[in-house]
C-alpha atoms as a PDB file:
ATOM      1  CA  MET A   1     -16.424 -38.831  24.085  1.00  0.00           C
ATOM      2  CA  PRO A   2     -13.735 -41.327  23.001  1.00  0.00           C
ATOM      3  CA  LYS A   3     -12.699 -41.134  19.353  1.00  0.00           C
ATOM      4  CA  PRO A   4     -11.545 -43.998  17.116  1.00  0.00           C
ATOM      5  CA  ALA A   5      -7.840 -44.535  16.579  1.00  0.00           C
ATOM      6  CA  PRO A   6      -6.329 -42.921  13.461  1.00  0.00           C
ATOM      7  CA  ALA A   7      -6.702 -44.984  10.299  1.00  0.00           C
ATOM      8  CA  SER A   8      -3.258 -44.180   8.862  1.00  0.00           C
ATOM      9  CA  ILE A   9       0.142 -42.675   9.623  1.00  0.00           C
ATOM     10  CA  ASP A  10      -0.954 -39.401   8.039  1.00  0.00           C
ATOM     11  CA  ASP A  11      -4.053 -39.344  10.239  1.00  0.00           C
ATOM     12  CA  THR A  12      -1.856 -39.981  13.276  1.00  0.00           C
ATOM     13  CA  LEU A  13       0.421 -37.082  12.371  1.00  0.00           C
ATOM     14  CA  ALA A  14      -2.643 -34.893  11.813  1.00  0.00           C
ATOM     15  CA  LEU A  15      -3.976 -35.895  15.238  1.00  0.00           C
ATOM     16  CA  LEU A  16      -0.686 -34.992  16.932  1.00  0.00           C
ATOM     17  CA  THR A  17      -0.446 -31.720  15.014  1.00  0.00           C
ATOM     18  CA  SER A  18      -4.024 -30.764  15.929  1.00  0.00           C
ATOM     19  CA  GLN A  19      -2.988 -30.918  19.587  1.00  0.00           C
ATOM     20  CA  GLY A  20       0.127 -28.812  19.018  1.00  0.00           C
ATOM     21  CA  TYR A  21       2.629 -31.691  18.977  1.00  0.00           C
ATOM     22  CA  VAL A  22       5.081 -31.436  16.073  1.00  0.00           C
ATOM     23  CA  ALA A  23       6.303 -34.936  15.230  1.00  0.00           C
ATOM     24  CA  GLY A  24       8.359 -36.506  12.470  1.00  0.00           C
ATOM     25  CA  ARG A  25       7.045 -39.329  10.335  1.00  0.00           C
ATOM     26  CA  ASP A  26       9.132 -41.896  12.224  1.00  0.00           C
ATOM     27  CA  LEU A  27       7.396 -41.039  15.500  1.00  0.00           C
ATOM     28  CA  GLY A  28       4.010 -40.834  13.771  1.00  0.00           C
ATOM     29  CA  THR A  29       4.574 -44.316  12.347  1.00  0.00           C
ATOM     30  CA  VAL A  30       5.408 -45.983  15.665  1.00  0.00           C
ATOM     31  CA  VAL A  31       2.482 -44.257  17.416  1.00  0.00           C
ATOM     32  CA  PHE A  32       0.126 -45.452  14.663  1.00  0.00           C
ATOM     33  CA  LEU A  33       1.445 -49.013  14.922  1.00  0.00           C
ATOM     34  CA  ALA A  34       1.156 -49.027  18.719  1.00  0.00           C
ATOM     35  CA  LEU A  35      -2.491 -47.982  18.458  1.00  0.00           C
ATOM     36  CA  LYS A  36      -3.222 -50.384  15.601  1.00  0.00           C
ATOM     37  CA  MET A  37      -1.489 -53.393  17.168  1.00  0.00           C
ATOM     38  CA  GLY A  38      -2.591 -52.679  20.735  1.00  0.00           C
ATOM     39  CA  ARG A  39       1.007 -52.780  21.953  1.00  0.00           C
ATOM     40  CA  PRO A  40       2.591 -50.615  24.651  1.00  0.00           C
ATOM     41  CA  LEU A  41       4.865 -47.892  23.295  1.00  0.00           C
ATOM     42  CA  PHE A  42       8.237 -47.552  25.010  1.00  0.00           C
ATOM     43  CA  LEU A  43       9.749 -44.087  24.544  1.00  0.00           C
ATOM     44  CA  GLU A  44      13.323 -43.484  25.560  1.00  0.00           C
ATOM     45  CA  GLY A  45      15.352 -40.275  25.378  1.00  0.00           C
ATOM     46  CA  GLU A  46      16.819 -37.368  27.283  1.00  0.00           C
ATOM     47  CA  ALA A  47      14.652 -35.482  29.757  1.00  0.00           C
ATOM     48  CA  GLY A  48      12.604 -32.684  28.249  1.00  0.00           C
ATOM     49  CA  VAL A  49      12.371 -33.936  24.652  1.00  0.00           C
ATOM     50  CA  GLY A  50       8.586 -34.477  24.724  1.00  0.00           C
ATOM     51  CA  LYS A  51       8.075 -38.123  25.707  1.00  0.00           C
ATOM     52  CA  THR A  52       5.458 -37.439  28.367  1.00  0.00           C
ATOM     53  CA  GLU A  53       3.715 -34.950  26.090  1.00  0.00           C
ATOM     54  CA  ILE A  54       2.988 -37.721  23.597  1.00  0.00           C
ATOM     55  CA  ALA A  55       0.770 -39.473  26.144  1.00  0.00           C
ATOM     56  CA  LYS A  56      -0.988 -36.218  27.038  1.00  0.00           C
ATOM     57  CA  THR A  57      -1.474 -35.415  23.356  1.00  0.00           C
ATOM     58  CA  LEU A  58      -2.981 -38.831  22.597  1.00  0.00           C
ATOM     59  CA  ALA A  59      -5.333 -38.571  25.558  1.00  0.00           C
ATOM     60  CA  ASP A  60      -6.577 -35.153  24.445  1.00  0.00           C
ATOM     61  CA  GLY A  61      -6.714 -36.024  20.750  1.00  0.00           C
ATOM     62  CA  LEU A  62      -8.569 -39.318  21.262  1.00  0.00           C
ATOM     63  CA  GLY A  63     -10.847 -38.008  24.002  1.00  0.00           C
ATOM     64  CA  ARG A  64      -9.502 -40.531  26.502  1.00  0.00           C
ATOM     65  CA  ARG A  65      -8.797 -40.221  30.187  1.00  0.00           C
ATOM     66  CA  LEU A  66      -5.108 -39.902  31.026  1.00  0.00           C
ATOM     67  CA  ILE A  67      -3.985 -42.061  33.960  1.00  0.00           C
ATOM     68  CA  ARG A  68      -0.428 -41.343  35.035  1.00  0.00           C
ATOM     69  CA  LEU A  69       1.806 -43.561  37.131  1.00  0.00           C
ATOM     70  CA  GLN A  70       4.831 -41.485  38.113  1.00  0.00           C
ATOM     71  CA  CYS A  71       7.642 -43.894  38.881  1.00  0.00           C
ATOM     72  CA  TYR A  72      10.197 -43.469  41.654  1.00  0.00           C
ATOM     73  CA  GLU A  73      12.651 -45.549  43.635  1.00  0.00           C
ATOM     74  CA  GLY A  74      10.798 -47.890  45.980  1.00  0.00           C
ATOM     75  CA  LEU A  75       7.526 -47.881  44.020  1.00  0.00           C
ATOM     76  CA  ASP A  76       5.553 -51.001  44.960  1.00  0.00           C
ATOM     77  CA  VAL A  77       2.210 -52.701  44.318  1.00  0.00           C
ATOM     78  CA  SER A  78       0.380 -50.759  47.044  1.00  0.00           C
ATOM     79  CA  SER A  79       1.279 -47.475  45.362  1.00  0.00           C
ATOM     80  CA  ALA A  80       0.925 -48.630  41.761  1.00  0.00           C
ATOM     81  CA  VAL A  81      -2.006 -51.092  41.794  1.00  0.00           C
ATOM     82  CA  TYR A  82      -4.095 -51.174  44.984  1.00  0.00           C
ATOM     83  CA  GLU A  83      -4.157 -51.214  48.746  1.00  0.00           C
ATOM     84  CA  TRP A  84      -6.823 -51.700  51.379  1.00  0.00           C
ATOM     85  CA  ASN A  85      -8.188 -48.798  53.399  1.00  0.00           C
ATOM     86  CA  TYR A  86      -7.161 -50.250  56.754  1.00  0.00           C
ATOM     87  CA  ALA A  87      -8.529 -47.336  58.783  1.00  0.00           C
ATOM     88  CA  ALA A  88     -12.009 -47.734  57.266  1.00  0.00           C
ATOM     89  CA  GLN A  89     -11.825 -51.507  57.728  1.00  0.00           C
ATOM     90  CA  MET A  90     -11.010 -51.116  61.429  1.00  0.00           C
ATOM     91  CA  ILE A  91     -13.891 -48.689  61.899  1.00  0.00           C
ATOM     92  CA  GLU A  92     -16.215 -51.248  60.272  1.00  0.00           C
ATOM     93  CA  ILE A  93     -14.998 -53.956  62.645  1.00  0.00           C
ATOM     94  CA  ARG A  94     -15.340 -51.726  65.724  1.00  0.00           C
ATOM     95  CA  MET A  95     -18.880 -50.717  64.725  1.00  0.00           C
ATOM     96  CA  ALA A  96     -19.837 -54.375  64.269  1.00  0.00           C
ATOM     97  CA  GLU A  97     -18.373 -55.215  67.681  1.00  0.00           C
ATOM     98  CA  ALA A  98     -20.244 -52.349  69.335  1.00  0.00           C
ATOM     99  CA  ALA A  99     -23.506 -53.504  67.760  1.00  0.00           C
ATOM    100  CA  GLY A 100     -22.883 -57.099  68.865  1.00  0.00           C
ATOM    101  CA  GLN A 101     -23.027 -58.295  65.262  1.00  0.00           C
ATOM    102  CA  LEU A 102     -19.486 -59.582  64.884  1.00  0.00           C
ATOM    103  CA  ASP A 103     -19.609 -62.735  62.764  1.00  0.00           C
ATOM    104  CA  LYS A 104     -16.033 -63.570  61.819  1.00  0.00           C
ATOM    105  CA  ASN A 105     -16.797 -65.269  58.516  1.00  0.00           C
ATOM    106  CA  ARG A 106     -19.220 -62.579  57.409  1.00  0.00           C
ATOM    107  CA  MET A 107     -16.950 -59.805  58.636  1.00  0.00           C
ATOM    108  CA  ALA A 108     -13.996 -61.239  56.694  1.00  0.00           C
ATOM    109  CA  SER A 109     -15.946 -60.834  53.454  1.00  0.00           C
ATOM    110  CA  ASP A 110     -17.420 -57.470  54.450  1.00  0.00           C
ATOM    111  CA  VAL A 111     -14.157 -55.753  55.280  1.00  0.00           C
ATOM    112  CA  PHE A 112     -12.624 -56.929  52.021  1.00  0.00           C
ATOM    113  CA  ALA A 113     -15.499 -55.597  49.954  1.00  0.00           C
ATOM    114  CA  GLU A 114     -14.640 -53.385  46.994  1.00  0.00           C
ATOM    115  CA  ARG A 115     -15.724 -50.236  48.836  1.00  0.00           C
ATOM    116  CA  PHE A 116     -12.619 -50.567  51.023  1.00  0.00           C
ATOM    117  CA  LEU A 117     -10.305 -50.961  48.041  1.00  0.00           C
ATOM    118  CA  VAL A 118      -8.089 -47.985  47.217  1.00  0.00           C
ATOM    119  CA  LYS A 119      -7.495 -48.166  43.472  1.00  0.00           C
ATOM    120  CA  ARG A 120      -4.142 -46.957  42.213  1.00  0.00           C
ATOM    121  CA  PRO A 121      -3.269 -46.029  38.579  1.00  0.00           C
ATOM    122  CA  LEU A 122      -2.702 -49.527  37.153  1.00  0.00           C
ATOM    123  CA  LEU A 123      -5.952 -50.889  38.562  1.00  0.00           C
ATOM    124  CA  GLN A 124      -7.859 -47.793  37.435  1.00  0.00           C
ATOM    125  CA  ALA A 125      -6.559 -48.308  33.904  1.00  0.00           C
ATOM    126  CA  LEU A 126      -7.604 -51.980  33.834  1.00  0.00           C
ATOM    127  CA  GLU A 127     -11.106 -51.335  35.180  1.00  0.00           C
ATOM    128  CA  ALA A 128     -12.148 -48.822  32.528  1.00  0.00           C
ATOM    129  CA  GLU A 129     -15.342 -49.550  30.634  1.00  0.00           C
ATOM    130  CA  GLU A 130     -15.151 -51.137  27.202  1.00  0.00           C
ATOM    131  CA  GLY A 131     -14.924 -48.479  24.493  1.00  0.00           C
ATOM    132  CA  ALA A 132     -13.391 -45.971  26.899  1.00  0.00           C
ATOM    133  CA  ALA A 133      -9.935 -47.424  27.439  1.00  0.00           C
ATOM    134  CA  PRO A 134      -7.716 -44.714  28.933  1.00  0.00           C
ATOM    135  CA  VAL A 135      -4.196 -43.679  28.038  1.00  0.00           C
ATOM    136  CA  LEU A 136      -1.958 -45.159  30.735  1.00  0.00           C
ATOM    137  CA  LEU A 137       1.283 -43.223  31.138  1.00  0.00           C
ATOM    138  CA  ILE A 138       4.005 -45.074  33.051  1.00  0.00           C
ATOM    139  CA  ASP A 139       6.442 -42.200  33.407  1.00  0.00           C
ATOM    140  CA  GLU A 140      10.183 -42.557  34.024  1.00  0.00           C
ATOM    141  CA  LEU A 141      10.192 -46.322  34.478  1.00  0.00           C
ATOM    142  CA  ASP A 142      13.987 -46.251  34.819  1.00  0.00           C
ATOM    143  CA  ARG A 143      13.569 -44.729  38.300  1.00  0.00           C
ATOM    144  CA  THR A 144      12.033 -47.931  39.698  1.00  0.00           C
ATOM    145  CA  ASP A 145      13.843 -51.116  40.663  1.00  0.00           C
ATOM    146  CA  GLU A 146      13.957 -54.449  38.845  1.00  0.00           C
ATOM    147  CA  ALA A 147      11.367 -56.046  41.145  1.00  0.00           C
ATOM    148  CA  PHE A 148       8.668 -53.610  40.081  1.00  0.00           C
ATOM    149  CA  GLU A 149       9.778 -53.908  36.477  1.00  0.00           C
ATOM    150  CA  ALA A 150       9.246 -57.681  36.696  1.00  0.00           C
ATOM    151  CA  PHE A 151       5.778 -57.184  38.167  1.00  0.00           C
ATOM    152  CA  LEU A 152       4.916 -54.727  35.398  1.00  0.00           C
ATOM    153  CA  LEU A 153       6.019 -57.290  32.838  1.00  0.00           C
ATOM    154  CA  GLU A 154       3.253 -59.621  34.039  1.00  0.00           C
ATOM    155  CA  VAL A 155       0.638 -56.843  33.999  1.00  0.00           C
ATOM    156  CA  LEU A 156       1.493 -55.804  30.444  1.00  0.00           C
ATOM    157  CA  SER A 157       1.501 -59.393  29.190  1.00  0.00           C
ATOM    158  CA  ASP A 158      -2.136 -60.163  30.089  1.00  0.00           C
ATOM    159  CA  PHE A 159      -3.506 -56.775  31.179  1.00  0.00           C
ATOM    160  CA  GLN A 160      -4.734 -58.263  34.411  1.00  0.00           C
ATOM    161  CA  VAL A 161      -3.911 -58.242  38.113  1.00  0.00           C
ATOM    162  CA  THR A 162      -4.868 -60.618  40.883  1.00  0.00           C
ATOM    163  CA  ILE A 163      -6.162 -59.330  44.223  1.00  0.00           C
ATOM    164  CA  PRO A 164      -6.161 -62.327  46.600  1.00  0.00           C
ATOM    165  CA  GLU A 165      -9.311 -61.239  48.436  1.00  0.00           C
ATOM    166  CA  LEU A 166     -11.297 -60.423  45.266  1.00  0.00           C
ATOM    167  CA  GLY A 167      -9.829 -62.527  42.473  1.00  0.00           C
ATOM    168  CA  THR A 168      -8.381 -61.639  39.075  1.00  0.00           C
ATOM    169  CA  ILE A 169      -9.333 -58.368  37.419  1.00  0.00           C
ATOM    170  CA  LYS A 170      -8.790 -58.339  33.660  1.00  0.00           C
ATOM    171  CA  ALA A 171      -9.188 -55.335  31.381  1.00  0.00           C
ATOM    172  CA  LYS A 172     -12.282 -55.444  29.191  1.00  0.00           C
ATOM    173  CA  GLU A 173     -10.274 -53.399  26.715  1.00  0.00           C
ATOM    174  CA  PRO A 174      -6.513 -52.920  27.150  1.00  0.00           C
ATOM    175  CA  PRO A 175      -5.496 -49.320  27.829  1.00  0.00           C
ATOM    176  CA  ILE A 176      -3.256 -47.366  25.465  1.00  0.00           C
ATOM    177  CA  VAL A 177       0.082 -47.706  27.267  1.00  0.00           C
ATOM    178  CA  ILE A 178       2.925 -45.218  26.954  1.00  0.00           C
ATOM    179  CA  ILE A 179       6.099 -45.983  28.920  1.00  0.00           C
ATOM    180  CA  THR A 180       8.885 -43.418  29.180  1.00  0.00           C
ATOM    181  CA  SER A 181      12.486 -43.695  30.296  1.00  0.00           C
ATOM    182  CA  ASN A 182      15.251 -41.109  30.639  1.00  0.00           C
ATOM    183  CA  ARG A 183      17.765 -43.963  30.471  1.00  0.00           C
ATOM    184  CA  THR A 184      19.309 -43.374  33.887  1.00  0.00           C
ATOM    185  CA  ARG A 185      19.563 -47.171  33.874  1.00  0.00           C
ATOM    186  CA  GLU A 186      18.859 -49.864  31.313  1.00  0.00           C
ATOM    187  CA  VAL A 187      15.352 -51.313  31.358  1.00  0.00           C
ATOM    188  CA  HIS A 188      15.290 -55.103  31.006  1.00  0.00           C
ATOM    189  CA  ASP A 189      15.009 -56.511  27.491  1.00  0.00           C
ATOM    190  CA  ALA A 190      12.063 -58.716  28.500  1.00  0.00           C
ATOM    191  CA  LEU A 191       9.897 -55.651  29.057  1.00  0.00           C
ATOM    192  CA  LYS A 192      11.102 -53.868  25.928  1.00  0.00           C
ATOM    193  CA  ARG A 193      10.228 -56.927  23.827  1.00  0.00           C
ATOM    194  CA  ARG A 194       6.586 -56.521  24.779  1.00  0.00           C
ATOM    195  CA  CYS A 195       6.577 -52.953  23.521  1.00  0.00           C
ATOM    196  CA  LEU A 196       7.173 -51.030  20.351  1.00  0.00           C
ATOM    197  CA  TYR A 197      10.300 -48.930  20.871  1.00  0.00           C
ATOM    198  CA  HIS A 198      11.223 -45.420  19.796  1.00  0.00           C
ATOM    199  CA  TRP A 199      14.114 -43.160  20.707  1.00  0.00           C
ATOM    200  CA  VAL A 200      12.943 -39.555  21.053  1.00  0.00           C
ATOM    201  CA  GLY A 201      15.939 -37.395  20.242  1.00  0.00           C
ATOM    202  CA  TYR A 202      16.465 -33.661  20.160  1.00  0.00           C
ATOM    203  CA  PRO A 203      14.639 -32.055  17.228  1.00  0.00           C
ATOM    204  CA  THR A 204      16.325 -30.464  14.252  1.00  0.00           C
ATOM    205  CA  ALA A 205      16.471 -26.670  14.165  1.00  0.00           C
ATOM    206  CA  GLU A 206      13.622 -26.554  11.647  1.00  0.00           C
ATOM    207  CA  ARG A 207      11.361 -28.766  13.745  1.00  0.00           C
ATOM    208  CA  GLU A 208      12.204 -26.883  16.931  1.00  0.00           C
ATOM    209  CA  GLN A 209      11.126 -23.656  15.253  1.00  0.00           C
ATOM    210  CA  GLN A 210       7.882 -25.357  14.259  1.00  0.00           C
ATOM    211  CA  ILE A 211       7.393 -26.435  17.880  1.00  0.00           C
ATOM    212  CA  ILE A 212       7.860 -22.858  19.101  1.00  0.00           C
ATOM    213  CA  LYS A 213       5.451 -21.580  16.463  1.00  0.00           C
ATOM    214  CA  SER A 214       2.879 -24.175  17.546  1.00  0.00           C
ATOM    215  CA  ARG A 215       3.314 -23.850  21.323  1.00  0.00           C
ATOM    216  CA  ARG A 216       4.379 -20.196  21.666  1.00  0.00           C
ATOM    217  CA  PRO A 217       2.718 -18.425  18.717  1.00  0.00           C
ATOM    218  CA  LYS A 218       3.111 -14.957  20.276  1.00  0.00           C
ATOM    219  CA  ALA A 219       6.906 -15.125  20.243  1.00  0.00           C
ATOM    220  CA  ALA A 220       8.601 -12.946  17.620  1.00  0.00           C
ATOM    221  CA  ALA A 221       9.756 -15.000  14.617  1.00  0.00           C
ATOM    222  CA  GLY A 222      13.242 -13.485  14.660  1.00  0.00           C
ATOM    223  CA  LEU A 223      13.626 -14.218  18.359  1.00  0.00           C
ATOM    224  CA  ALA A 224      12.501 -17.820  17.857  1.00  0.00           C
ATOM    225  CA  LYS A 225      15.185 -18.340  15.194  1.00  0.00           C
ATOM    226  CA  GLU A 226      17.887 -16.910  17.448  1.00  0.00           C
ATOM    227  CA  VAL A 227      16.732 -18.981  20.419  1.00  0.00           C
ATOM    228  CA  VAL A 228      16.697 -22.214  18.411  1.00  0.00           C
ATOM    229  CA  ALA A 229      20.134 -21.528  16.893  1.00  0.00           C
ATOM    230  CA  PHE A 230      21.564 -20.717  20.338  1.00  0.00           C
ATOM    231  CA  VAL A 231      20.056 -23.828  21.961  1.00  0.00           C
ATOM    232  CA  GLN A 232      21.224 -26.048  19.111  1.00  0.00           C
ATOM    233  CA  ALA A 233      24.750 -24.670  19.570  1.00  0.00           C
ATOM    234  CA  LEU A 234      24.590 -25.408  23.311  1.00  0.00           C
ATOM    235  CA  ARG A 235      23.579 -29.020  22.639  1.00  0.00           C
ATOM    236  CA  GLY A 236      26.696 -29.455  20.560  1.00  0.00           C
ATOM    237  CA  GLY A 237      28.878 -28.218  23.420  1.00  0.00           C
ATOM    238  CA  ASP A 238      30.304 -29.825  26.527  1.00  0.00           C
ATOM    239  CA  LEU A 239      27.476 -29.512  29.044  1.00  0.00           C
ATOM    240  CA  TYR A 240      26.495 -31.758  31.922  1.00  0.00           C
ATOM    241  CA  LYS A 241      22.831 -31.493  30.862  1.00  0.00           C
ATOM    242  CA  ALA A 242      21.919 -30.041  27.498  1.00  0.00           C
ATOM    243  CA  PRO A 243      18.627 -28.127  27.377  1.00  0.00           C
ATOM    244  CA  GLY A 244      15.615 -30.038  26.107  1.00  0.00           C
ATOM    245  CA  VAL A 245      12.637 -28.784  24.141  1.00  0.00           C
ATOM    246  CA  ALA A 246      10.845 -27.992  27.406  1.00  0.00           C
ATOM    247  CA  GLU A 247      13.668 -25.617  28.346  1.00  0.00           C
ATOM    248  CA  THR A 248      13.583 -24.027  24.898  1.00  0.00           C
ATOM    249  CA  LEU A 249       9.875 -23.294  25.299  1.00  0.00           C
ATOM    250  CA  ASP A 250      10.425 -21.955  28.817  1.00  0.00           C
ATOM    251  CA  TRP A 251      13.191 -19.667  27.568  1.00  0.00           C
ATOM    252  CA  VAL A 252      11.055 -18.326  24.726  1.00  0.00           C
ATOM    253  CA  THR A 253       8.252 -17.660  27.200  1.00  0.00           C
ATOM    254  CA  ALA A 254      10.606 -15.883  29.617  1.00  0.00           C
ATOM    255  CA  LEU A 255      12.089 -13.730  26.850  1.00  0.00           C
ATOM    256  CA  HIS A 256       8.613 -12.845  25.606  1.00  0.00           C
ATOM    257  CA  GLU A 257       7.613 -11.789  29.138  1.00  0.00           C
ATOM    258  CA  LEU A 258      10.689  -9.549  29.190  1.00  0.00           C
ATOM    259  CA  ASP A 259       9.523  -7.939  25.912  1.00  0.00           C
ATOM    260  CA  CYS A 260      12.662  -9.198  24.210  1.00  0.00           C
ATOM    261  CA  VAL A 261      12.553  -9.329  20.398  1.00  0.00           C
ATOM    262  CA  SER A 262      16.223 -10.193  19.847  1.00  0.00           C
ATOM    263  CA  LEU A 263      18.914 -11.837  21.959  1.00  0.00           C
ATOM    264  CA  ASP A 264      21.688  -9.749  23.466  1.00  0.00           C
ATOM    265  CA  PRO A 265      24.568 -10.844  25.745  1.00  0.00           C
ATOM    266  CA  GLN A 266      23.124  -9.256  28.889  1.00  0.00           C
ATOM    267  CA  THR A 267      19.701 -10.863  28.490  1.00  0.00           C
ATOM    268  CA  VAL A 268      21.263 -14.243  27.731  1.00  0.00           C
ATOM    269  CA  ASN A 269      23.388 -14.085  30.893  1.00  0.00           C
ATOM    270  CA  ASP A 270      20.452 -12.939  33.016  1.00  0.00           C
ATOM    271  CA  THR A 271      18.184 -15.773  31.836  1.00  0.00           C
ATOM    272  CA  LEU A 272      20.572 -18.733  31.590  1.00  0.00           C
ATOM    273  CA  GLY A 273      18.910 -20.225  34.671  1.00  0.00           C
ATOM    274  CA  VAL A 274      15.757 -20.764  32.622  1.00  0.00           C
ATOM    275  CA  LEU A 275      17.687 -22.730  30.027  1.00  0.00           C
ATOM    276  CA  LEU A 276      20.341 -24.553  32.071  1.00  0.00           C
ATOM    277  CA  LYS A 277      19.689 -26.365  35.342  1.00  0.00           C
ATOM    278  CA  TYR A 278      23.198 -26.968  36.677  1.00  0.00           C
ATOM    279  CA  GLN A 279      25.426 -24.256  38.123  1.00  0.00           C
ATOM    280  CA  ASP A 280      28.545 -25.728  36.495  1.00  0.00           C
ATOM    281  CA  ASP A 281      26.885 -25.406  33.083  1.00  0.00           C
ATOM    282  CA  ILE A 282      25.782 -21.840  33.808  1.00  0.00           C
ATOM    283  CA  SER A 283      29.271 -20.874  34.999  1.00  0.00           C
ATOM    284  CA  ARG A 284      30.777 -22.384  31.851  1.00  0.00           C
ATOM    285  CA  MET A 285      28.406 -20.526  29.547  1.00  0.00           C
ATOM    286  CA  GLU A 286      27.909 -17.095  31.100  1.00  0.00           C
ATOM    287  CA  GLY A 287      30.040 -14.145  30.117  1.00  0.00           C
ATOM    288  CA  SER A 288      32.448 -14.444  27.214  1.00  0.00           C
ATOM    289  CA  GLU A 289      31.352 -17.937  26.139  1.00  0.00           C
ATOM    290  CA  ALA A 290      27.681 -16.939  25.853  1.00  0.00           C
ATOM    291  CA  ARG A 291      28.737 -13.820  23.920  1.00  0.00           C
ATOM    292  CA  ARG A 292      30.875 -15.905  21.565  1.00  0.00           C
ATOM    293  CA  ILE A 293      28.057 -18.364  20.838  1.00  0.00           C
ATOM    294  CA  LEU A 294      25.556 -15.535  20.377  1.00  0.00           C
ATOM    295  CA  ASN A 295      27.827 -13.706  17.925  1.00  0.00           C
ATOM    296  CA  GLN A 296      28.382 -16.926  16.008  1.00  0.00           C
ATOM    297  CA  VAL A 297      24.633 -17.590  15.895  1.00  0.00           C
ATOM    298  CA  LYS A 298      23.808 -14.104  14.639  1.00  0.00           C
ATOM    299  CA  GLU A 299      26.493 -14.294  11.954  1.00  0.00           C
ATOM    300  CA  GLU A 300      25.189 -17.649  10.717  1.00  0.00           C
ATOM    301  CA  LEU A 301      21.597 -16.415  10.610  1.00  0.00           C
ATOM    302  CA  ARG A 302      22.722 -13.265   8.817  1.00  0.00           C
ATOM    303  CA  ALA A 303      24.592 -15.341   6.240  1.00  0.00           C
ATOM    304  CA  MET A 304      21.419 -17.353   5.622  1.00  0.00           C
ATOM    305  CA  GLY A 305      19.378 -14.163   5.316  1.00  0.00           C
ATOM    306  CA  GLN A 306      17.239 -15.016   8.340  1.00  0.00           C
ATOM    307  CA  VAL A 307      17.848 -11.802  10.300  1.00  0.00           C
END
């Protein structure tokens, strides 16, 4: 059953927290405004910092259906909005011919009836019933080309699409739109202007510990502190791809499965592939460098009285 949008920033933060998403007030504010103003929310940031999770969290917290359009190079209208089921249309025509009932004018309208329409994510989101508007996640928009971006600009302006054979389909209630980008290329300003914008950065050490506590409550508290301190140190280093929050959670899970309650050099080396996704980064970190960072982390935590 769909729930009403939060009435305040505090209510928005409470909604996110109830679903296990730990957010700062800046993110809570822009989410609240996007819901209140009915504007798409454009989230940009490094991969793995929790952009996609915001859409999933809103869908769960508001009791809305989540419709996801995963973007990729070459994405077009037939994959994003609609296409006709040509095989079924041909069968319909052949059956009419076999029965001797082929009337060209009537058949033209029959084969372009809605039952032959294959509805893709954008059309599904626009056709939702009033009062049950879904959360539409347009994920990794930066992977598409400028032509699709221009088409999307029109859709987001009026929340409608035109199907030549059926006419214009307009949303009875605009969906809650979340757009994400990993910034592999710049998205055009014209699209950003139609959205509220927020940069989702890496969390502070304190917030990352809160995320682990929320998402991986079985992990030992001491281990969580060491993991966060180690990951934060890695992000400050010279890596091709720094680990995101998703990798932090994966690493905590892996260490918990190994019955690890405290980091040691051997375990760090053996599990770097959970945390880092490029061999050059792993080669740079394993061995003496990982040991150095781990020793530094343990000394700092000891000095703060956290171990």
